[in-house]
């Protein structure tokens, strides 16, 4: 009986661990250059649009650096979609050479 309980506990821990590993594997972070932002209000508008997008976990946008650092679920979103969201705010998501 103790052996069955031990086997069950070990199995449960393995299932939970594998679930956490696969869930975290779906999270990506990307930095996208954004042209046209001049102030905090500009970067706030871009951040608000990104954060309202399903699959975006976090977005830090800086008008000083001219970039958006976005943490997102790559099973729900693509980098192309993130660029479309940024472009939809009136600013330009810059395609980096080599992408």
C-alpha atoms as a PDB file:
ATOM      1  CA  UNK A   1       0.000   0.000   0.000  1.00  0.00           C
ATOM      2  CA  UNK A   2       2.819   2.408   0.876  1.00  0.00           C
ATOM      3  CA  UNK A   3       4.489   1.579  -2.446  1.00  0.00           C
ATOM      4  CA  UNK A   4       1.327   2.574  -4.367  1.00  0.00           C
ATOM      5  CA  UNK A   5       1.061   5.874  -2.493  1.00  0.00           C
ATOM      6  CA  UNK A   6       4.727   6.610  -3.171  1.00  0.00           C
ATOM      7  CA  UNK A   7       4.345   5.798  -6.875  1.00  0.00           C
ATOM      8  CA  UNK A   8       1.266   8.011  -7.097  1.00  0.00           C
ATOM      9  CA  UNK A   9       3.034  10.905  -5.379  1.00  0.00           C
ATOM     10  CA  UNK A  10       6.077  10.626  -7.638  1.00  0.00           C
ATOM     11  CA  UNK A  11       3.836  10.461 -10.727  1.00  0.00           C
ATOM     12  CA  UNK A  12       1.881  13.525  -9.612  1.00  0.00           C
ATOM     13  CA  UNK A  13       5.075  15.511  -9.069  1.00  0.00           C
ATOM     14  CA  UNK A  14       6.388  14.525 -12.516  1.00  0.00           C
ATOM     15  CA  UNK A  15       3.135  15.523 -14.229  1.00  0.00           C
ATOM     16  CA  UNK A  16       3.096  18.892 -12.468  1.00  0.00           C
ATOM     17  CA  UNK A  17       6.758  19.512 -13.263  1.00  0.00           C
ATOM     18  CA  UNK A  18       6.318  18.673 -16.943  1.00  0.00           C
ATOM     19  CA  UNK A  19       3.268  20.936 -17.084  1.00  0.00           C
ATOM     20  CA  UNK A  20       5.238  23.851 -15.668  1.00  0.00           C
ATOM     21  CA  UNK A  21       8.142  23.254 -18.036  1.00  0.00           C
ATOM     22  CA  UNK A  22       5.911  23.196 -21.104  1.00  0.00           C
ATOM     23  CA  UNK A  23       3.994  26.276 -19.926  1.00  0.00           C
ATOM     24  CA  UNK A  24       7.163  28.287 -19.406  1.00  0.00           C
ATOM     25  CA  UNK A  25       8.585  27.153 -22.740  1.00  0.00           C
ATOM     26  CA  UNK A  26       5.802  29.068 -24.504  1.00  0.00           C
ATOM     27  CA  UNK A  27       6.909  32.426 -23.076  1.00  0.00           C
ATOM     28  CA  UNK A  28       9.230  34.515 -25.226  1.00  0.00           C
ATOM     29  CA  UNK A  29      10.680  37.993 -24.898  1.00  0.00           C
ATOM     30  CA  UNK A  30      11.334  40.193 -27.902  1.00  0.00           C
ATOM     31  CA  UNK A  31      12.720  43.717 -28.272  1.00  0.00           C
ATOM     32  CA  UNK A  32      11.238  45.715 -31.136  1.00  0.00           C
ATOM     33  CA  UNK A  33      12.544  49.117 -32.203  1.00  0.00           C
ATOM     34  CA  UNK A  34       9.759  51.683 -32.493  1.00  0.00           C
ATOM     35  CA  UNK A  35      10.071  54.920 -34.479  1.00  0.00           C
ATOM     36  CA  UNK A  36       8.113  58.103 -33.854  1.00  0.00           C
ATOM     37  CA  UNK A  37       7.703  58.039 -30.077  1.00  0.00           C
ATOM     38  CA  UNK A  38       8.666  61.410 -28.597  1.00  0.00           C
ATOM     39  CA  UNK A  39       7.364  61.320 -25.023  1.00  0.00           C
ATOM     40  CA  UNK A  40       5.968  59.211 -22.184  1.00  0.00           C
ATOM     41  CA  UNK A  41       2.439  59.644 -23.555  1.00  0.00           C
ATOM     42  CA  UNK A  42       3.584  58.065 -26.836  1.00  0.00           C
ATOM     43  CA  UNK A  43       5.226  55.092 -25.166  1.00  0.00           C
ATOM     44  CA  UNK A  44       2.212  54.760 -22.861  1.00  0.00           C
ATOM     45  CA  UNK A  45      -0.113  54.436 -25.853  1.00  0.00           C
ATOM     46  CA  UNK A  46       2.034  51.682 -27.360  1.00  0.00           C
ATOM     47  CA  UNK A  47       2.315  49.847 -24.015  1.00  0.00           C
ATOM     48  CA  UNK A  48      -1.454  50.075 -23.466  1.00  0.00           C
ATOM     49  CA  UNK A  49      -2.188  48.596 -26.905  1.00  0.00           C
ATOM     50  CA  UNK A  50       0.307  45.780 -26.403  1.00  0.00           C
ATOM     51  CA  UNK A  51      -0.926  44.909 -22.908  1.00  0.00           C
ATOM     52  CA  UNK A  52      -4.505  44.768 -24.219  1.00  0.00           C
ATOM     53  CA  UNK A  53      -3.454  42.129 -26.758  1.00  0.00           C
ATOM     54  CA  UNK A  54      -4.310  38.563 -25.768  1.00  0.00           C
ATOM     55  CA  UNK A  55      -1.120  36.615 -25.128  1.00  0.00           C
ATOM     56  CA  UNK A  56       0.997  39.592 -24.046  1.00  0.00           C
ATOM     57  CA  UNK A  57       2.199  39.011 -20.498  1.00  0.00           C
ATOM     58  CA  UNK A  58       4.147  42.261 -20.118  1.00  0.00           C
ATOM     59  CA  UNK A  59       5.260  45.202 -22.236  1.00  0.00           C
ATOM     60  CA  UNK A  60       7.838  47.809 -21.258  1.00  0.00           C
ATOM     61  CA  UNK A  61       8.006  50.636 -23.790  1.00  0.00           C
ATOM     62  CA  UNK A  62      10.574  53.436 -23.715  1.00  0.00           C
ATOM     63  CA  UNK A  63      10.364  56.558 -25.870  1.00  0.00           C
ATOM     64  CA  UNK A  64      13.939  57.439 -24.803  1.00  0.00           C
ATOM     65  CA  UNK A  65      15.341  54.140 -26.072  1.00  0.00           C
ATOM     66  CA  UNK A  66      12.862  53.903 -28.941  1.00  0.00           C
ATOM     67  CA  UNK A  67      11.971  50.312 -28.159  1.00  0.00           C
ATOM     68  CA  UNK A  68       9.385  47.955 -26.769  1.00  0.00           C
ATOM     69  CA  UNK A  69      10.402  44.909 -24.727  1.00  0.00           C
ATOM     70  CA  UNK A  70       7.524  42.455 -24.864  1.00  0.00           C
ATOM     71  CA  UNK A  71       7.051  39.218 -22.949  1.00  0.00           C
ATOM     72  CA  UNK A  72       4.438  37.071 -24.689  1.00  0.00           C
ATOM     73  CA  UNK A  73       3.021  33.584 -25.161  1.00  0.00           C
ATOM     74  CA  UNK A  74       4.342  32.383 -28.517  1.00  0.00           C
ATOM     75  CA  UNK A  75       1.547  29.839 -28.765  1.00  0.00           C
ATOM     76  CA  UNK A  76      -1.001  32.686 -28.903  1.00  0.00           C
ATOM     77  CA  UNK A  77       0.961  35.403 -30.732  1.00  0.00           C
ATOM     78  CA  UNK A  78       3.690  35.923 -33.283  1.00  0.00           C
ATOM     79  CA  UNK A  79       6.255  38.688 -33.489  1.00  0.00           C
ATOM     80  CA  UNK A  80       4.547  39.770 -36.720  1.00  0.00           C
ATOM     81  CA  UNK A  81       1.270  40.301 -34.845  1.00  0.00           C
ATOM     82  CA  UNK A  82       3.081  42.338 -32.181  1.00  0.00           C
ATOM     83  CA  UNK A  83       4.504  44.563 -34.918  1.00  0.00           C
ATOM     84  CA  UNK A  84       1.004  45.002 -36.365  1.00  0.00           C
ATOM     85  CA  UNK A  85      -0.297  46.097 -32.953  1.00  0.00           C
ATOM     86  CA  UNK A  86       2.504  48.668 -32.649  1.00  0.00           C
ATOM     87  CA  UNK A  87       1.917  49.941 -36.192  1.00  0.00           C
ATOM     88  CA  UNK A  88      -1.794  50.224 -35.379  1.00  0.00           C
ATOM     89  CA  UNK A  89      -0.992  52.849 -32.739  1.00  0.00           C
ATOM     90  CA  UNK A  90       0.428  55.194 -35.391  1.00  0.00           C
ATOM     91  CA  UNK A  91       4.067  54.453 -34.626  1.00  0.00           C
ATOM     92  CA  UNK A  92       6.368  52.277 -36.724  1.00  0.00           C
ATOM     93  CA  UNK A  93       7.743  48.928 -35.629  1.00  0.00           C
ATOM     94  CA  UNK A  94      11.137  48.814 -37.367  1.00  0.00           C
ATOM     95  CA  UNK A  95      12.109  45.576 -39.113  1.00  0.00           C
ATOM     96  CA  UNK A  96      15.656  44.736 -38.138  1.00  0.00           C
ATOM     97  CA  UNK A  97      17.942  43.598 -40.953  1.00  0.00           C
ATOM     98  CA  UNK A  98      18.221  39.835 -40.932  1.00  0.00           C
ATOM     99  CA  UNK A  99      14.614  39.314 -39.712  1.00  0.00           C
END
